[in-house]
Amino acid sequence: MLTVNKLIPHGRGLAKALLARASHVALDWDTRQKSRFDATDSAGRHLGVFLSRGQVVRGGDVLVAEDGSLIRVDAAPQPVLVVRPCAEHGSPFDLLRAAYHLGNRHVQLELKSDHLKLEPDHVLAEMLRAMHLIVRGEQAAFEPEAGAYAAGGHGQAHAHAHAHDHRHAHDHVAEHGHDHAHGPACTHDHDHGHDHGHAHGHGHGHGH
């Protein structure tokens, strides 16, 4: 077994020629958030990874083995829920509101300008559909916000990003007199699977 105890975030400072010769290893999020794990790289070597406690491995990072060899890390595709606003019946605000509610539940969440990603959870999927969002299962790399999982360097976004949305969400409700919940008369011919009456009930019953 080849011991690995050093990580270079995104391979910063390494020559492209060195990175081109490096072996690589594909790891899912469940493995990459651990500081100690075993893996096999593209050269067939068995790796024993021992990093500082709390250190998270991201796609694009480079592991350094005890013999000085480099191993590039790829974020392996894995099952995720991809959440998008409904272009026909919703608005981008729906996505912002969803991120706020998921953040309050301490859900590990990847934030993009036009979608969110989270690990599969049928209760959360039902809640999000009831919030007027399109939720689909896909195979994709998962890189959630760092927050409490980061030892440093990747930021504190998971702990703070959604808190700033709180005032805007309430301002919107105050201005329009509702929070985007649709009444019984609202009908849609798309595949959201709306269940309007239970959006918040499912959310409060779920814990992480």
Protein backbone atom coordinates (compact mmCIF):
# COMPACT_ATOMS: atom_id res chain seq x y z
CA MET A 1 0.00 0.00 0.00
CA LEU A 2 1.26 3.46 -0.92
CA THR A 3 0.71 6.04 1.81
CA VAL A 4 -0.62 9.48 0.91
CA ASN A 5 -0.55 12.24 3.52
CA LYS A 6 -0.40 15.49 1.56
CA LEU A 7 -2.91 17.32 -0.63
CA ILE A 8 -2.32 20.24 -3.00
CA PRO A 9 -5.60 22.09 -3.66
CA HIS A 10 -6.23 22.20 -7.42
CA GLY A 11 -2.57 21.27 -7.97
CA ARG A 12 -1.54 24.89 -7.43
CA GLY A 13 2.09 25.58 -8.27
CA LEU A 14 2.66 22.29 -10.08
CA ALA A 15 3.96 22.26 -13.62
CA LYS A 16 1.52 21.11 -16.29
CA ALA A 17 4.02 18.49 -17.44
CA LEU A 18 4.03 16.94 -13.96
CA LEU A 19 0.25 16.89 -13.80
CA ALA A 20 0.05 15.33 -17.25
CA ARG A 21 2.21 12.41 -16.08
CA ALA A 22 0.33 11.93 -12.82
CA SER A 23 -2.00 9.01 -12.28
CA HIS A 24 -5.60 9.79 -11.36
CA VAL A 25 -8.29 8.47 -9.07
CA ALA A 26 -12.07 8.99 -9.25
CA LEU A 27 -13.75 9.41 -5.87
CA ASP A 28 -17.35 10.14 -4.92
CA TRP A 29 -18.31 12.75 -2.33
CA ASP A 30 -18.84 10.23 0.45
CA THR A 31 -15.16 9.25 0.14
CA ARG A 32 -13.76 12.72 -0.53
CA GLN A 33 -15.20 14.22 2.65
CA LYS A 34 -13.23 11.71 4.74
CA SER A 35 -9.69 12.38 5.90
CA ARG A 36 -8.78 8.67 5.90
CA PHE A 37 -9.71 6.26 3.14
CA ASP A 38 -8.37 3.62 0.76
CA ALA A 39 -8.47 3.91 -3.04
CA THR A 40 -6.92 2.48 -6.18
CA ASP A 41 -5.43 4.86 -8.74
CA SER A 42 -5.30 4.53 -12.54
CA ALA A 43 -1.90 2.83 -12.27
CA GLY A 44 -3.45 0.06 -10.16
CA ARG A 45 -1.72 1.14 -6.96
CA HIS A 46 -3.50 0.67 -3.65
CA LEU A 47 -3.51 4.03 -1.84
CA GLY A 48 -3.87 4.57 1.87
CA VAL A 49 -4.85 8.22 2.29
CA PHE A 50 -4.20 9.87 5.68
CA LEU A 51 -4.93 13.60 5.64
CA SER A 52 -5.40 16.14 8.41
CA ARG A 53 -8.67 15.63 10.22
CA GLY A 54 -11.45 17.66 8.64
CA GLN A 55 -9.60 18.10 5.35
CA VAL A 56 -11.84 17.59 2.31
CA VAL A 57 -10.68 16.40 -1.11
CA ARG A 58 -12.18 18.21 -4.10
CA GLY A 59 -12.19 17.32 -7.76
CA GLY A 60 -9.05 18.82 -9.29
CA ASP A 61 -6.98 18.46 -6.12
CA VAL A 62 -3.69 16.56 -6.24
CA LEU A 63 -2.64 13.96 -3.69
CA VAL A 64 1.08 13.49 -2.97
CA ALA A 65 2.27 9.99 -2.05
CA GLU A 66 5.15 9.21 0.29
CA ASP A 67 7.36 8.36 -2.71
CA GLY A 68 6.71 11.81 -4.19
CA SER A 69 4.35 10.63 -6.92
CA LEU A 70 1.27 12.67 -7.75
CA ILE A 71 -2.33 11.48 -8.04
CA ARG A 72 -4.95 13.76 -9.61
CA VAL A 73 -8.41 13.53 -8.08
CA ASP A 74 -11.55 13.44 -10.21
CA ALA A 75 -14.98 13.93 -8.67
CA ALA A 76 -16.71 10.71 -9.68
CA PRO A 77 -20.25 10.94 -11.08
CA GLN A 78 -22.78 9.78 -8.51
CA PRO A 79 -26.57 9.84 -8.02
CA VAL A 80 -27.75 13.39 -7.25
CA LEU A 81 -30.94 15.39 -7.34
CA VAL A 82 -30.70 18.38 -9.68
CA VAL A 83 -33.13 21.17 -8.82
CA ARG A 84 -34.13 23.84 -11.34
CA PRO A 85 -36.78 26.57 -11.41
CA CYS A 86 -39.78 26.09 -13.67
CA ALA A 87 -39.23 28.37 -16.65
CA GLU A 88 -42.93 28.28 -17.58
CA HIS A 89 -44.64 28.72 -14.22
CA GLY A 90 -41.92 29.80 -11.76
CA SER A 91 -39.02 32.22 -11.40
CA PRO A 92 -35.35 32.19 -10.33
CA PHE A 93 -36.52 33.35 -6.89
CA ASP A 94 -37.95 29.85 -6.33
CA LEU A 95 -34.40 28.45 -6.48
CA LEU A 96 -33.14 31.03 -4.00
CA ARG A 97 -35.97 30.20 -1.63
CA ALA A 98 -35.24 26.48 -1.92
CA ALA A 99 -31.54 27.04 -1.10
CA TYR A 100 -32.59 28.98 2.00
CA HIS A 101 -34.88 26.22 3.26
CA LEU A 102 -32.36 23.47 2.50
CA GLY A 103 -29.64 25.46 4.25
CA ASN A 104 -31.84 25.67 7.35
CA ARG A 105 -31.98 21.87 7.31
CA HIS A 106 -28.17 21.62 7.05
CA VAL A 107 -28.43 19.76 3.77
CA GLN A 108 -25.16 19.36 1.89
CA LEU A 109 -25.81 21.45 -1.19
CA GLU A 110 -23.98 22.42 -4.37
CA LEU A 111 -24.94 25.90 -5.53
CA LYS A 112 -24.99 26.98 -9.17
CA SER A 113 -26.48 30.08 -10.75
CA ASP A 114 -29.26 28.11 -12.44
CA HIS A 115 -29.59 24.91 -10.37
CA LEU A 116 -28.89 23.18 -7.08
CA LYS A 117 -27.55 19.69 -6.43
CA LEU A 118 -28.08 17.51 -3.38
CA GLU A 119 -27.81 13.84 -2.54
CA PRO A 120 -30.93 11.75 -3.23
CA ASP A 121 -33.65 12.10 -0.61
CA HIS A 122 -37.27 11.37 -1.52
CA VAL A 123 -38.72 13.50 1.29
CA LEU A 124 -36.70 16.56 0.23
CA ALA A 125 -37.51 15.89 -3.43
CA GLU A 126 -41.22 15.92 -2.60
CA MET A 127 -40.83 19.12 -0.59
CA LEU A 128 -38.97 20.84 -3.44
CA ARG A 129 -41.55 19.82 -6.03
CA ALA A 130 -44.23 21.23 -3.76
CA MET A 131 -42.22 24.49 -3.74
CA HIS A 132 -42.77 24.74 -7.51
CA LEU A 133 -39.37 23.41 -8.62
CA ILE A 134 -38.30 20.79 -11.15
CA VAL A 135 -36.40 17.95 -9.46
CA ARG A 136 -34.70 15.22 -11.47
CA GLY A 137 -32.32 12.42 -10.57
CA GLU A 138 -29.04 12.48 -12.49
CA GLN A 139 -25.52 11.05 -12.42
CA ALA A 140 -23.09 13.92 -11.88
CA ALA A 141 -20.08 15.04 -9.86
CA PHE A 142 -21.11 16.48 -6.48
CA GLU A 143 -19.17 19.35 -4.91
CA PRO A 144 -21.24 20.77 -2.02
CA GLU A 145 -20.46 24.02 -0.29
CA ALA A 146 -17.66 23.55 2.23
CA GLY A 147 -18.89 25.14 5.46
CA ALA A 148 -18.29 23.01 8.53
CA TYR A 149 -16.60 20.34 6.40
CA ALA A 150 -13.73 22.62 5.42
CA ALA A 151 -10.49 22.88 7.34
CA GLY A 152 -9.88 26.10 5.41
CA GLY A 153 -9.28 27.34 1.90
CA HIS A 154 -12.64 26.34 0.41
CA GLY A 155 -14.60 28.91 2.39
CA GLN A 156 -17.46 28.96 4.84
CA ALA A 157 -20.25 29.26 2.30
CA HIS A 158 -22.42 26.39 3.57
CA ALA A 159 -22.64 27.95 7.00
CA HIS A 160 -23.44 31.45 5.80
CA ALA A 161 -24.68 31.63 2.22
CA HIS A 162 -28.35 31.04 2.88
CA ALA A 163 -28.65 33.23 5.96
CA HIS A 164 -28.32 36.35 3.79
CA ASP A 165 -31.37 35.28 1.80
CA HIS A 166 -33.65 35.37 4.85
CA ARG A 167 -34.47 39.09 4.70
CA HIS A 168 -35.09 39.03 0.96
CA ALA A 169 -37.45 36.09 1.28
CA HIS A 170 -39.53 37.89 3.90
CA ASP A 171 -39.46 41.14 1.92
CA HIS A 172 -40.88 39.27 -1.05
CA VAL A 173 -43.64 37.75 1.06
CA ALA A 174 -44.45 41.12 2.60
CA GLU A 175 -44.63 42.79 -0.78
CA HIS A 176 -46.76 40.20 -2.52
CA GLY A 177 -48.69 38.79 0.40
CA HIS A 178 -47.70 35.16 -0.24
CA ASP A 179 -44.69 32.92 -0.45
CA HIS A 180 -45.20 31.30 -3.85
CA ALA A 181 -47.49 28.56 -2.51
CA HIS A 182 -50.13 27.80 -5.12
CA GLY A 183 -53.79 27.30 -4.25
CA PRO A 184 -56.06 24.43 -5.26
CA ALA A 185 -57.09 26.28 -8.42
CA CYS A 186 -53.53 26.34 -9.75
CA THR A 187 -53.11 23.72 -12.46
CA HIS A 188 -50.03 22.78 -14.44
CA ASP A 189 -49.45 20.43 -17.32
CA HIS A 190 -45.77 19.78 -16.63
CA ASP A 191 -44.17 17.00 -14.61
CA HIS A 192 -43.34 18.71 -11.30
CA GLY A 193 -45.57 16.38 -9.31
CA HIS A 194 -46.98 19.27 -7.22
CA ASP A 195 -48.39 18.48 -3.80
CA HIS A 196 -49.04 22.03 -2.68
CA GLY A 197 -50.64 21.36 0.67
CA HIS A 198 -47.70 19.46 2.14
CA ALA A 199 -44.62 21.51 1.21
CA HIS A 200 -43.74 22.57 4.72
CA GLY A 201 -45.10 19.53 6.50
CA HIS A 202 -42.62 17.19 4.82
CA GLY A 203 -39.76 19.61 5.35
CA HIS A 204 -40.30 19.94 9.10
CA GLY A 205 -40.57 16.21 9.54
CA HIS A 206 -37.21 15.51 7.96
CA GLY A 207 -33.92 15.81 9.79
CA HIS A 208 -30.32 15.43 8.79
